[in-house]
Amino acid sequence: MSWRRYAGGGKRDAAERPIIEALQGLGCDVYQLSGKGNPDLLVRRPSPSGLWVPLEVKSDGGTLTKNQQAIKWPVVRDKYQAIQAVFG
């Protein structure tokens, strides 16, 4: 699900799909966001906590833009880092 026009010409990071599948497999709701200033994913942990966690997804070697460096969302590069960021 995307809520805004894609940044970067509509391209999604290749690392997103395995991350989404892993988090959904653990009962999370995962929403793909786009647009300048938004995280790549917004993840809602399973109830009862229902905590929302924004995630910035980067492939190996991917770098953060200046805007992304200013906002301190967790940056994840694989499903293991994403699980750690969401469930800590």
C-alpha atoms as a PDB file:
ATOM      1  CA  MET A   1       0.000   0.000   0.000  1.00  0.00           C
ATOM      2  CA  SER A   2       1.422   3.371  -0.964  1.00  0.00           C
ATOM      3  CA  TRP A   3       0.047   6.614   0.301  1.00  0.00           C
ATOM      4  CA  ARG A   4       2.026   9.044  -1.813  1.00  0.00           C
ATOM      5  CA  ARG A   5       3.762   9.423  -5.116  1.00  0.00           C
ATOM      6  CA  TYR A   6       6.998   7.459  -5.237  1.00  0.00           C
ATOM      7  CA  ALA A   7      10.257   9.227  -4.650  1.00  0.00           C
ATOM      8  CA  GLY A   8      13.126   8.109  -6.868  1.00  0.00           C
ATOM      9  CA  GLY A   9      11.014   7.468  -9.957  1.00  0.00           C
ATOM     10  CA  GLY A  10       8.795   4.778  -8.448  1.00  0.00           C
ATOM     11  CA  LYS A  11      11.566   2.327  -7.597  1.00  0.00           C
ATOM     12  CA  ARG A  12      11.327   0.309  -4.387  1.00  0.00           C
ATOM     13  CA  ASP A  13      14.433  -1.049  -2.682  1.00  0.00           C
ATOM     14  CA  ALA A  14      15.100  -4.703  -3.532  1.00  0.00           C
ATOM     15  CA  ALA A  15      15.589  -5.466   0.173  1.00  0.00           C
ATOM     16  CA  GLU A  16      11.976  -4.496   1.006  1.00  0.00           C
ATOM     17  CA  ARG A  17      10.130  -7.640  -0.134  1.00  0.00           C
ATOM     18  CA  PRO A  18      11.966 -10.138   2.152  1.00  0.00           C
ATOM     19  CA  ILE A  19      11.629  -7.693   5.059  1.00  0.00           C
ATOM     20  CA  ILE A  20       7.895  -7.264   4.489  1.00  0.00           C
ATOM     21  CA  GLU A  21       7.335 -11.005   4.202  1.00  0.00           C
ATOM     22  CA  ALA A  22       9.301 -11.734   7.395  1.00  0.00           C
ATOM     23  CA  LEU A  23       7.450  -9.107   9.420  1.00  0.00           C
ATOM     24  CA  GLN A  24       4.043 -10.165   8.103  1.00  0.00           C
ATOM     25  CA  GLY A  25       4.949 -13.755   8.979  1.00  0.00           C
ATOM     26  CA  LEU A  26       5.378 -12.587  12.575  1.00  0.00           C
ATOM     27  CA  GLY A  27       1.923 -10.998  12.605  1.00  0.00           C
ATOM     28  CA  CYS A  28       2.855  -7.397  11.798  1.00  0.00           C
ATOM     29  CA  ASP A  29       0.884  -5.082   9.542  1.00  0.00           C
ATOM     30  CA  VAL A  30       3.309  -3.501   7.070  1.00  0.00           C
ATOM     31  CA  TYR A  31       2.575  -0.444   4.945  1.00  0.00           C
ATOM     32  CA  GLN A  32       4.842   0.806   2.163  1.00  0.00           C
ATOM     33  CA  LEU A  33       5.128   4.567   2.194  1.00  0.00           C
ATOM     34  CA  SER A  34       6.697   6.897  -0.306  1.00  0.00           C
ATOM     35  CA  GLY A  35       7.387  10.546  -0.766  1.00  0.00           C
ATOM     36  CA  LYS A  36      10.046  12.858   0.519  1.00  0.00           C
ATOM     37  CA  GLY A  37      10.382  12.828   4.285  1.00  0.00           C
ATOM     38  CA  ASN A  38       8.593   9.506   4.825  1.00  0.00           C
ATOM     39  CA  PRO A  39      10.112   6.223   5.975  1.00  0.00           C
ATOM     40  CA  ASP A  40       9.958   3.337   3.491  1.00  0.00           C
ATOM     41  CA  LEU A  41       7.869   1.130   5.762  1.00  0.00           C
ATOM     42  CA  LEU A  42       5.466   1.711   8.608  1.00  0.00           C
ATOM     43  CA  VAL A  43       5.115  -1.420  10.722  1.00  0.00           C
ATOM     44  CA  ARG A  44       2.492  -2.119  13.372  1.00  0.00           C
ATOM     45  CA  ARG A  45       3.451  -4.777  15.861  1.00  0.00           C
ATOM     46  CA  PRO A  46       0.852  -7.410  16.701  1.00  0.00           C
ATOM     47  CA  SER A  47      -1.558  -6.654  19.523  1.00  0.00           C
ATOM     48  CA  PRO A  48      -1.703  -6.129  22.439  1.00  0.00           C
ATOM     49  CA  SER A  49       1.066  -3.528  22.064  1.00  0.00           C
ATOM     50  CA  GLY A  50       0.111  -2.361  18.561  1.00  0.00           C
ATOM     51  CA  LEU A  51       3.265  -0.211  18.544  1.00  0.00           C
ATOM     52  CA  TRP A  52       4.038   1.552  15.246  1.00  0.00           C
ATOM     53  CA  VAL A  53       7.639   1.515  14.016  1.00  0.00           C
ATOM     54  CA  PRO A  54       8.902   3.455  10.961  1.00  0.00           C
ATOM     55  CA  LEU A  55      11.731   1.795   9.017  1.00  0.00           C
ATOM     56  CA  GLU A  56      14.100   3.081   6.362  1.00  0.00           C
ATOM     57  CA  VAL A  57      15.208   0.228   4.072  1.00  0.00           C
ATOM     58  CA  LYS A  58      18.591   0.301   2.370  1.00  0.00           C
ATOM     59  CA  SER A  59      20.310  -2.387   0.318  1.00  0.00           C
ATOM     60  CA  ASP A  60      23.917  -3.208   1.091  1.00  0.00           C
ATOM     61  CA  GLY A  61      25.969  -0.227   0.013  1.00  0.00           C
ATOM     62  CA  GLY A  62      22.940   2.077  -0.064  1.00  0.00           C
ATOM     63  CA  THR A  63      23.515   5.499   1.465  1.00  0.00           C
ATOM     64  CA  LEU A  64      21.215   7.847   3.326  1.00  0.00           C
ATOM     65  CA  THR A  65      20.190  11.150   1.796  1.00  0.00           C
ATOM     66  CA  LYS A  66      20.748  14.334   3.765  1.00  0.00           C
ATOM     67  CA  ASN A  67      17.072  14.353   4.791  1.00  0.00           C
ATOM     68  CA  GLN A  68      17.237  10.728   5.919  1.00  0.00           C
ATOM     69  CA  GLN A  69      20.306  11.457   8.026  1.00  0.00           C
ATOM     70  CA  ALA A  70      18.428  14.218   9.841  1.00  0.00           C
ATOM     71  CA  ILE A  71      15.509  11.951  10.809  1.00  0.00           C
ATOM     72  CA  LYS A  72      16.472   9.156  13.156  1.00  0.00           C
ATOM     73  CA  TRP A  73      14.345   6.223  11.998  1.00  0.00           C
ATOM     74  CA  PRO A  74      15.918   2.795  12.218  1.00  0.00           C
ATOM     75  CA  VAL A  75      17.787   1.910   9.027  1.00  0.00           C
ATOM     76  CA  VAL A  76      17.565  -1.771   8.153  1.00  0.00           C
ATOM     77  CA  ARG A  77      19.313  -3.737   5.430  1.00  0.00           C
ATOM     78  CA  ASP A  78      17.818  -7.205   5.898  1.00  0.00           C
ATOM     79  CA  LYS A  79      14.961  -9.048   7.597  1.00  0.00           C
ATOM     80  CA  TYR A  80      17.017  -9.769  10.726  1.00  0.00           C
ATOM     81  CA  GLN A  81      17.743  -6.087  11.334  1.00  0.00           C
ATOM     82  CA  ALA A  82      14.080  -5.272  10.690  1.00  0.00           C
ATOM     83  CA  ILE A  83      12.877  -7.855  13.222  1.00  0.00           C
ATOM     84  CA  GLN A  84      15.329  -6.480  15.771  1.00  0.00           C
ATOM     85  CA  ALA A  85      14.172  -2.909  15.131  1.00  0.00           C
ATOM     86  CA  VAL A  86      10.487  -3.803  15.486  1.00  0.00           C
ATOM     87  CA  PHE A  87      10.651  -6.247  18.377  1.00  0.00           C
ATOM     88  CA  GLY A  88      13.927  -5.032  19.958  1.00  0.00           C
END
